Amino acid sequence: MEQSRAEQSRAEQSRAEQSRAEQSRAEQSRAEQSRAEQSRAEQSRAEQSRAGVTI
């Protein structure tokens, strides 16, 4: 009985760690995506300003 509780608690801990890791990967990927979009937007603003278009 004691052993099965310990195993269950280890399993839950491992699930929690996995879910934290996945969440952190998802956040990292969102952050990279948003940086990429920001850099594209800045590049497009720069190109337009070179072309004489003011935003």
N, C-alpha and C. Protein backbone atom coordinates (compact mmCIF):
# COMPACT_ATOMS: atom_id res chain seq x y z
N MET A 1 0.84 -1.20 0.00
CA MET A 1 0.00 0.00 0.00
C MET A 1 0.87 1.26 0.00
N GLU A 2 1.82 1.28 0.92
CA GLU A 2 2.73 2.42 1.02
C GLU A 2 3.49 2.62 -0.29
N GLN A 3 3.92 1.51 -0.87
CA GLN A 3 4.72 1.57 -2.10
C GLN A 3 3.89 2.12 -3.25
N SER A 4 2.65 1.70 -3.34
CA SER A 4 1.84 2.14 -4.47
C SER A 4 1.56 3.64 -4.37
N ARG A 5 1.40 4.16 -3.15
CA ARG A 5 1.22 5.62 -3.00
C ARG A 5 2.47 6.36 -3.49
N ALA A 6 3.62 5.84 -3.13
CA ALA A 6 4.88 6.48 -3.53
C ALA A 6 5.02 6.44 -5.05
N GLU A 7 4.66 5.30 -5.64
CA GLU A 7 4.76 5.20 -7.10
C GLU A 7 3.79 6.16 -7.77
N GLN A 8 2.59 6.26 -7.22
CA GLN A 8 1.58 7.14 -7.78
C GLN A 8 2.07 8.58 -7.70
N SER A 9 2.66 8.91 -6.57
CA SER A 9 3.12 10.28 -6.40
C SER A 9 4.28 10.58 -7.36
N ARG A 10 5.15 9.61 -7.57
CA ARG A 10 6.22 9.80 -8.56
C ARG A 10 5.65 9.98 -9.96
N ALA A 11 4.65 9.18 -10.30
CA ALA A 11 4.03 9.26 -11.62
C ALA A 11 3.39 10.63 -11.82
N GLU A 12 2.71 11.12 -10.78
CA GLU A 12 2.07 12.44 -10.89
C GLU A 12 3.11 13.53 -11.04
N GLN A 13 4.21 13.39 -10.31
CA GLN A 13 5.27 14.38 -10.39
C GLN A 13 5.86 14.38 -11.79
N SER A 14 6.04 13.20 -12.33
CA SER A 14 6.63 13.11 -13.66
C SER A 14 5.67 13.70 -14.70
N ARG A 15 4.37 13.46 -14.54
CA ARG A 15 3.38 14.06 -15.45
C ARG A 15 3.41 15.57 -15.33
N ALA A 16 3.50 16.07 -14.12
CA ALA A 16 3.51 17.51 -13.90
C ALA A 16 4.75 18.14 -14.54
N GLU A 17 5.89 17.47 -14.39
CA GLU A 17 7.12 18.00 -14.98
C GLU A 17 7.02 18.01 -16.49
N GLN A 18 6.43 16.95 -17.05
CA GLN A 18 6.29 16.86 -18.49
C GLN A 18 5.38 17.99 -18.98
N SER A 19 4.32 18.22 -18.27
CA SER A 19 3.38 19.24 -18.71
C SER A 19 4.03 20.62 -18.59
N ARG A 20 4.83 20.84 -17.53
CA ARG A 20 5.56 22.11 -17.41
C ARG A 20 6.53 22.28 -18.57
N ALA A 21 7.22 21.21 -18.94
CA ALA A 21 8.19 21.27 -20.03
C ALA A 21 7.49 21.60 -21.34
N GLU A 22 6.34 20.96 -21.58
CA GLU A 22 5.59 21.23 -22.81
C GLU A 22 5.10 22.67 -22.83
N GLN A 23 4.63 23.15 -21.68
CA GLN A 23 4.14 24.52 -21.60
C GLN A 23 5.28 25.49 -21.89
N SER A 24 6.45 25.20 -21.34
CA SER A 24 7.58 26.09 -21.54
C SER A 24 8.02 26.06 -23.00
N ARG A 25 7.98 24.88 -23.63
CA ARG A 25 8.29 24.81 -25.06
C ARG A 25 7.29 25.62 -25.87
N ALA A 26 6.02 25.51 -25.52
CA ALA A 26 4.98 26.25 -26.25
C ALA A 26 5.19 27.75 -26.10
N GLU A 27 5.52 28.19 -24.87
CA GLU A 27 5.74 29.62 -24.65
C GLU A 27 6.95 30.11 -25.43
N GLN A 28 8.00 29.29 -25.45
CA GLN A 28 9.21 29.65 -26.17
C GLN A 28 8.90 29.78 -27.65
N SER A 29 8.11 28.85 -28.17
CA SER A 29 7.78 28.88 -29.59
C SER A 29 6.92 30.10 -29.90
N ARG A 30 5.99 30.45 -28.99
CA ARG A 30 5.18 31.66 -29.19
C ARG A 30 6.06 32.90 -29.18
N ALA A 31 7.01 32.93 -28.27
CA ALA A 31 7.90 34.09 -28.16
C ALA A 31 8.75 34.23 -29.42
N GLU A 32 9.26 33.10 -29.93
CA GLU A 32 10.07 33.16 -31.15
C GLU A 32 9.22 33.62 -32.32
N GLN A 33 7.99 33.14 -32.40
CA GLN A 33 7.09 33.51 -33.47
C GLN A 33 6.81 35.01 -33.41
N SER A 34 6.59 35.51 -32.20
CA SER A 34 6.26 36.93 -32.08
C SER A 34 7.48 37.78 -32.41
N ARG A 35 8.68 37.32 -32.03
CA ARG A 35 9.90 38.04 -32.40
C ARG A 35 10.06 38.07 -33.93
N ALA A 36 9.78 36.93 -34.56
CA ALA A 36 9.92 36.85 -36.02
C ALA A 36 8.94 37.80 -36.69
N GLU A 37 7.71 37.84 -36.20
CA GLU A 37 6.70 38.73 -36.80
C GLU A 37 7.10 40.18 -36.60
N GLN A 38 7.63 40.49 -35.42
CA GLN A 38 8.05 41.85 -35.13
C GLN A 38 9.18 42.25 -36.07
N SER A 39 10.11 41.34 -36.28
CA SER A 39 11.25 41.66 -37.13
C SER A 39 10.79 41.81 -38.58
N ARG A 40 9.82 40.98 -39.00
CA ARG A 40 9.27 41.15 -40.36
C ARG A 40 8.59 42.51 -40.49
N ALA A 41 7.84 42.91 -39.48
CA ALA A 41 7.14 44.19 -39.52
C ALA A 41 8.14 45.33 -39.59
N GLU A 42 9.21 45.24 -38.80
CA GLU A 42 10.22 46.30 -38.81
C GLU A 42 10.92 46.36 -40.17
N GLN A 43 11.19 45.19 -40.73
CA GLN A 43 11.85 45.14 -42.02
C GLN A 43 10.94 45.77 -43.08
N SER A 44 9.67 45.46 -43.01
CA SER A 44 8.75 46.00 -44.01
C SER A 44 8.63 47.52 -43.83
N ARG A 45 8.63 48.00 -42.58
CA ARG A 45 8.61 49.46 -42.35
C ARG A 45 9.86 50.10 -42.93
N ALA A 46 11.00 49.45 -42.71
CA ALA A 46 12.27 50.00 -43.20
C ALA A 46 12.27 50.04 -44.73
N GLU A 47 11.79 48.98 -45.36
CA GLU A 47 11.75 48.95 -46.82
C GLU A 47 10.82 50.04 -47.35
N GLN A 48 9.68 50.20 -46.70
CA GLN A 48 8.75 51.21 -47.17
C GLN A 48 9.32 52.61 -46.96
N SER A 49 10.05 52.80 -45.88
CA SER A 49 10.59 54.14 -45.65
C SER A 49 11.70 54.43 -46.65
N ARG A 50 12.44 53.39 -47.03
CA ARG A 50 13.44 53.58 -48.08
C ARG A 50 12.76 53.94 -49.40
N ALA A 51 11.57 53.38 -49.62
CA ALA A 51 10.84 53.64 -50.86
C ALA A 51 10.14 55.00 -50.81
N GLY A 52 10.29 55.70 -49.69
CA GLY A 52 9.71 57.03 -49.59
C GLY A 52 8.29 57.04 -49.07
N VAL A 53 7.84 55.91 -48.54
CA VAL A 53 6.48 55.85 -47.98
C VAL A 53 6.58 56.05 -46.48
N THR A 54 5.84 56.99 -45.94
CA THR A 54 5.88 57.18 -44.49
C THR A 54 4.65 56.54 -43.86
N ILE A 55 4.88 55.90 -42.72
CA ILE A 55 3.77 55.22 -42.03
C ILE A 55 3.42 56.04 -40.79
